[in-house]
Structures are given as structure tokens and as C-alpha cells.
Amino acid sequence: MNMQSDAEHRLYQADDERCRAMLANDLDALARVLADDVIYTHSSAVVDTKEQYLQSLREGSTRYLAARRESAQVRLYGPMAIMHGHVIMQIESHGKKKDLNNLFQSVWAERDGQWLLVSWASTVIPPAAKTL
């Protein structure tokens, strides 16, 4: 395995760990894959710092019920990486369940041999237009 494919493999592992931690509401594990300076932009356009994001999960105002990465492409730039893809999630936000069909872009930085999420942004894929 060459260095680039190894780095990409480790990046997918870090993202998988992030998803597992979100679903389990394991905030300690989630905090370990989020950079201290992460900017987390939700599909609702709400922007959180690391502490704000973890606090919303700690308080239960947001809960992840399901998450499945449908596809993703990774571009590596040395110790930085951009992942772009499609994710389907079910969340509970302020007591209401929501099904999300989103595109996402995440930026990762390799620090001390570990990939950390430094930026996340997602946007809702609009439902297909109805035809007559």
C-alpha cells in the first residue's frame, strides 16, 4: 500500500469513528476526532464551534439516530484532506425527527499522525422536481 492510499484509508477510518461516536452519543470519542478549532456548519446554516457542537449533543437538543455515507471522494494535499460526498441521516432536533439527504464537504488535518476534522459543511439535496 503506498503512502497516499494509507493516508486515505486512515482518513476514512477517522470519519467512520466520528460517525460511530455521533450515533452512540460518545462525546469523548467524538471530541478526539474534532480539532479544537473545528468549524461545524449544519445543513440548517447554524455554525458551531467544537464546544457549541458538543454542548448541543450533551444537552440532547440534537441526537443522531442514523447516518450512512452513501459516497465520498477524497483529495489529499499533504497533511490536509478534503472529503466531499453524500450522506443520509436521521436526527432528532429539539424533539422532532428529521430525515436528511445531504451533500457534505469536510476538511481534515493530520496532526501528530491523527486525522482531525477541522471543517464540516452540509447542504440539503432538494427533493426531485415533480413532473406532470
Protein backbone atom coordinates (compact mmCIF):
# COMPACT_ATOMS: atom_id res chain seq x y z
CA MET A 1 0.00 0.00 0.00
CA ASN A 2 1.50 3.36 -0.93
CA MET A 3 1.57 6.35 1.40
CA GLN A 4 -1.34 8.13 -0.26
CA SER A 5 -3.69 5.15 -0.11
CA ASP A 6 -2.65 4.53 3.52
CA ALA A 7 -3.43 8.16 4.38
CA GLU A 8 -6.79 7.92 2.61
CA HIS A 9 -7.61 4.66 4.43
CA ARG A 10 -6.81 6.27 7.80
CA LEU A 11 -8.95 9.27 6.88
CA TYR A 12 -11.96 7.06 6.16
CA GLN A 13 -11.33 5.28 9.47
CA ALA A 14 -11.34 8.64 11.29
CA ASP A 15 -14.60 9.62 9.60
CA ASP A 16 -16.13 6.24 10.46
CA GLU A 17 -15.09 6.75 14.09
CA ARG A 18 -16.70 10.20 14.04
CA CYS A 19 -19.96 8.70 12.78
CA ARG A 20 -19.89 5.89 15.36
CA ALA A 21 -19.30 8.41 18.14
CA MET A 22 -22.16 10.64 16.90
CA LEU A 23 -24.60 7.71 16.80
CA ALA A 24 -23.53 6.43 20.23
CA ASN A 25 -23.52 9.98 21.63
CA ASP A 26 -19.99 9.20 22.82
CA LEU A 27 -18.83 12.76 23.26
CA ASP A 28 -15.34 11.81 24.48
CA ALA A 29 -14.70 9.77 21.33
CA LEU A 30 -16.21 12.50 19.17
CA ALA A 31 -14.06 15.18 20.81
CA ARG A 32 -10.95 13.14 19.93
CA VAL A 33 -11.64 13.36 16.16
CA LEU A 34 -12.65 17.04 16.17
CA ALA A 35 -9.90 19.63 16.03
CA ASP A 36 -10.11 22.21 18.80
CA ASP A 37 -10.65 24.88 16.14
CA VAL A 38 -13.28 22.97 14.13
CA ILE A 39 -15.99 24.97 12.36
CA TYR A 40 -19.16 22.84 12.05
CA THR A 41 -21.77 24.19 9.63
CA HIS A 42 -25.06 22.32 9.77
CA SER A 43 -27.41 21.98 6.80
CA SER A 44 -29.66 24.46 8.64
CA ALA A 45 -26.84 27.05 8.28
CA VAL A 46 -26.20 27.05 12.03
CA VAL A 47 -22.46 27.31 12.66
CA ASP A 48 -20.93 25.76 15.79
CA THR A 49 -17.53 25.75 17.41
CA LYS A 50 -16.34 22.47 18.89
CA GLU A 51 -17.70 23.34 22.32
CA GLN A 52 -21.06 24.54 20.98
CA TYR A 53 -21.47 21.38 18.91
CA LEU A 54 -20.58 19.06 21.77
CA GLN A 55 -22.82 21.04 24.14
CA SER A 56 -25.85 20.62 21.83
CA LEU A 57 -25.25 16.86 21.88
CA ARG A 58 -24.63 16.84 25.64
CA GLU A 59 -27.91 18.67 26.28
CA GLY A 60 -29.80 16.37 23.92
CA SER A 61 -31.08 19.17 21.70
CA THR A 62 -29.58 17.21 18.80
CA ARG A 63 -29.37 13.41 18.57
CA TYR A 64 -28.13 11.34 15.66
CA LEU A 65 -30.34 8.30 15.09
CA ALA A 66 -28.84 7.00 11.83
CA ALA A 67 -26.06 8.02 9.46
CA ARG A 68 -24.89 6.40 6.25
CA ARG A 69 -22.21 7.80 3.97
CA GLU A 70 -23.54 6.95 0.50
CA SER A 71 -20.45 8.09 -1.36
CA ALA A 72 -17.32 10.12 -0.86
CA GLN A 73 -14.28 11.32 -2.74
CA VAL A 74 -11.07 12.31 -1.01
CA ARG A 75 -8.39 14.68 -2.21
CA LEU A 76 -5.16 14.67 -0.25
CA TYR A 77 -2.90 17.71 -0.01
CA GLY A 78 -0.06 16.60 2.23
CA PRO A 79 -1.28 16.87 5.83
CA MET A 80 -4.64 18.26 4.66
CA ALA A 81 -7.54 16.46 3.00
CA ILE A 82 -10.92 17.38 1.56
CA MET A 83 -13.72 14.84 1.58
CA HIS A 84 -16.82 15.51 -0.48
CA GLY A 85 -19.80 13.21 -0.62
CA HIS A 86 -23.39 12.24 0.02
CA VAL A 87 -24.74 11.30 3.45
CA ILE A 88 -28.18 10.18 4.57
CA MET A 89 -29.00 10.81 8.22
CA GLN A 90 -31.89 10.72 10.61
CA ILE A 91 -31.64 13.12 13.50
CA GLU A 92 -33.79 14.36 16.32
CA SER A 93 -33.57 18.12 16.73
CA HIS A 94 -35.43 19.74 19.61
CA GLY A 95 -37.72 16.73 19.85
CA LYS A 96 -38.55 16.48 16.14
CA LYS A 97 -37.25 13.69 13.91
CA LYS A 98 -35.79 14.77 10.59
CA ASP A 99 -34.61 12.74 7.62
CA LEU A 100 -31.67 14.39 5.92
CA ASN A 101 -30.39 13.71 2.43
CA ASN A 102 -27.28 15.90 2.21
CA LEU A 103 -24.16 16.65 0.29
CA PHE A 104 -21.20 17.42 2.52
CA GLN A 105 -17.70 18.77 2.35
CA SER A 106 -15.27 18.21 5.17
CA VAL A 107 -11.72 19.36 5.67
CA TRP A 108 -9.32 17.26 7.68
CA ALA A 109 -5.84 17.99 9.03
CA GLU A 110 -3.31 15.36 10.01
CA ARG A 111 -1.82 16.38 13.33
CA ASP A 112 0.62 14.15 15.20
CA GLY A 113 -0.28 11.24 12.93
CA GLN A 114 -4.05 11.52 13.51
CA TRP A 115 -6.68 12.91 11.13
CA LEU A 116 -8.81 15.60 12.80
CA LEU A 117 -11.92 17.24 11.38
CA VAL A 118 -11.29 20.98 11.04
CA SER A 119 -14.34 21.96 8.99
CA TRP A 120 -17.71 20.43 8.11
CA ALA A 121 -20.43 21.89 5.92
CA SER A 122 -23.50 20.15 4.56
CA THR A 123 -26.40 21.16 2.40
CA VAL A 124 -29.76 19.55 1.80
CA ILE A 125 -30.33 17.93 -1.59
CA PRO A 126 -33.72 19.25 -2.69
CA PRO A 127 -36.35 16.63 -3.48
CA ALA A 128 -36.65 15.78 -7.14
CA ALA A 129 -38.91 18.13 -9.03
CA LYS A 130 -42.35 16.68 -9.62
CA THR A 131 -43.38 16.25 -13.20
CA LEU A 132 -46.93 16.32 -14.52
